[in-house]
Amino acid sequence: MVTVNVVVLAGTVVADPVERRMPSGDEVTELRVAVPEAGKRLLPLPVAAWHSSVGKRALKGIAKGDAVLVHGQLVRRFYRSGAGARSLTEVLATGIKKITPPE
């Protein structure tokens, strides 16, 4: 059986990106991208961009309100917190590009 897990999103960054350094030393930038749903709503999706795969340079200059094109894959993480077991579905970005409107 062949499976394909490819996500391509074009949307707007709804909050300033947050950079984190993991205990392992790896760096990740987390952001939320609002994508228009089939109706009139905007669906905010979490995106994780690891600097080792995307590159810190690709994330430079991206801020709240910017239009971006994200490509990557859908992943689901499980973790435990004080409230019990939780899960998070997010886009693991392999590339992010800021979209500039034509002049």
Protein backbone atom coordinates (compact mmCIF):
# COMPACT_ATOMS: atom_id res chain seq x y z
CA MET A 1 0.00 0.00 0.00
CA VAL A 2 1.28 3.43 -0.93
CA THR A 3 0.67 6.34 1.41
CA VAL A 4 1.25 9.99 0.69
CA ASN A 5 1.47 12.64 3.39
CA VAL A 6 1.95 16.00 1.69
CA VAL A 7 0.49 19.29 2.89
CA VAL A 8 0.59 22.57 0.98
CA LEU A 9 -1.00 25.60 2.66
CA ALA A 10 -1.34 29.21 1.59
CA GLY A 11 -2.54 31.44 4.38
CA THR A 12 -1.86 34.27 6.79
CA VAL A 13 0.32 34.12 9.91
CA VAL A 14 -2.07 34.94 12.80
CA ALA A 15 0.47 35.33 15.63
CA ASP A 16 4.13 36.22 15.85
CA PRO A 17 6.33 33.13 15.38
CA VAL A 18 7.84 31.69 18.56
CA GLU A 19 11.41 30.36 18.49
CA ARG A 20 12.43 27.62 20.92
CA ARG A 21 15.59 25.74 21.69
CA MET A 22 15.09 22.14 22.70
CA PRO A 23 17.19 20.41 25.40
CA SER A 24 18.91 18.50 22.56
CA GLY A 25 20.11 21.83 21.11
CA ASP A 26 17.78 21.73 18.10
CA GLU A 27 15.87 24.90 17.28
CA VAL A 28 12.24 25.06 16.18
CA THR A 29 9.97 27.93 15.22
CA GLU A 30 6.26 27.49 15.87
CA LEU A 31 3.63 29.59 14.15
CA ARG A 32 -0.09 29.50 13.38
CA VAL A 33 -1.33 29.91 9.83
CA ALA A 34 -4.98 30.80 9.13
CA VAL A 35 -6.30 29.02 6.05
CA PRO A 36 -9.76 29.67 4.59
CA GLU A 37 -12.08 26.73 5.22
CA ALA A 38 -14.81 25.68 2.76
CA GLY A 39 -17.22 28.16 4.38
CA LYS A 40 -16.39 31.65 5.52
CA ARG A 41 -14.34 30.65 8.57
CA LEU A 42 -10.58 30.80 8.87
CA LEU A 43 -9.00 27.65 10.22
CA PRO A 44 -5.85 28.37 12.28
CA LEU A 45 -3.36 25.51 11.91
CA PRO A 46 -0.19 25.02 13.98
CA VAL A 47 3.03 24.78 11.97
CA ALA A 48 6.39 23.61 13.34
CA ALA A 49 9.51 24.53 11.35
CA TRP A 50 12.70 22.84 12.54
CA HIS A 51 15.71 24.95 11.67
CA SER A 52 17.68 21.86 10.65
CA SER A 53 15.20 21.04 7.85
CA VAL A 54 13.80 24.45 6.85
CA GLY A 55 16.68 26.71 7.69
CA LYS A 56 16.58 29.73 9.96
CA ARG A 57 17.05 31.98 6.94
CA ALA A 58 13.70 30.94 5.43
CA LEU A 59 11.92 32.09 8.59
CA LYS A 60 13.63 35.46 8.81
CA GLY A 61 11.26 38.35 8.27
CA ILE A 62 8.05 36.34 8.76
CA ALA A 63 5.71 38.07 11.21
CA LYS A 64 2.04 38.31 12.15
CA GLY A 65 -0.11 39.27 9.17
CA ASP A 66 2.26 37.99 6.47
CA ALA A 67 0.96 35.77 3.67
CA VAL A 68 2.97 32.53 3.51
CA LEU A 69 3.17 29.33 1.51
CA VAL A 70 3.95 26.28 3.66
CA HIS A 71 4.74 22.80 2.45
CA GLY A 72 5.43 19.79 4.62
CA GLN A 73 3.61 16.86 6.16
CA LEU A 74 0.91 16.28 8.74
CA VAL A 75 2.07 14.79 12.06
CA ARG A 76 0.36 13.93 15.31
CA ARG A 77 2.27 14.15 18.59
CA PHE A 78 1.26 12.65 21.93
CA TYR A 79 2.48 14.01 25.25
CA ARG A 80 1.59 14.12 28.92
CA SER A 81 0.85 17.28 30.86
CA GLY A 82 -0.56 18.06 34.28
CA ALA A 83 -4.05 17.63 32.81
CA GLY A 84 -3.29 14.12 31.50
CA ALA A 85 -2.51 12.71 28.08
CA ARG A 86 -2.85 15.12 25.17
CA SER A 87 -2.36 15.01 21.43
CA LEU A 88 -1.55 17.69 18.87
CA THR A 89 -1.93 17.54 15.11
CA GLU A 90 0.34 19.98 13.29
CA VAL A 91 2.09 20.61 10.01
CA LEU A 92 5.79 19.73 10.10
CA ALA A 93 7.15 22.23 7.58
CA THR A 94 9.86 21.32 5.11
CA GLY A 95 9.64 24.72 3.45
CA ILE A 96 8.13 28.14 4.13
CA LYS A 97 8.05 31.04 1.72
CA LYS A 98 6.73 34.54 2.29
CA ILE A 99 4.29 35.49 -0.45
CA THR A 100 4.56 39.03 -1.72
CA PRO A 101 1.65 40.49 -3.70
CA PRO A 102 2.43 41.47 -7.29
CA GLU A 103 3.10 45.16 -7.80
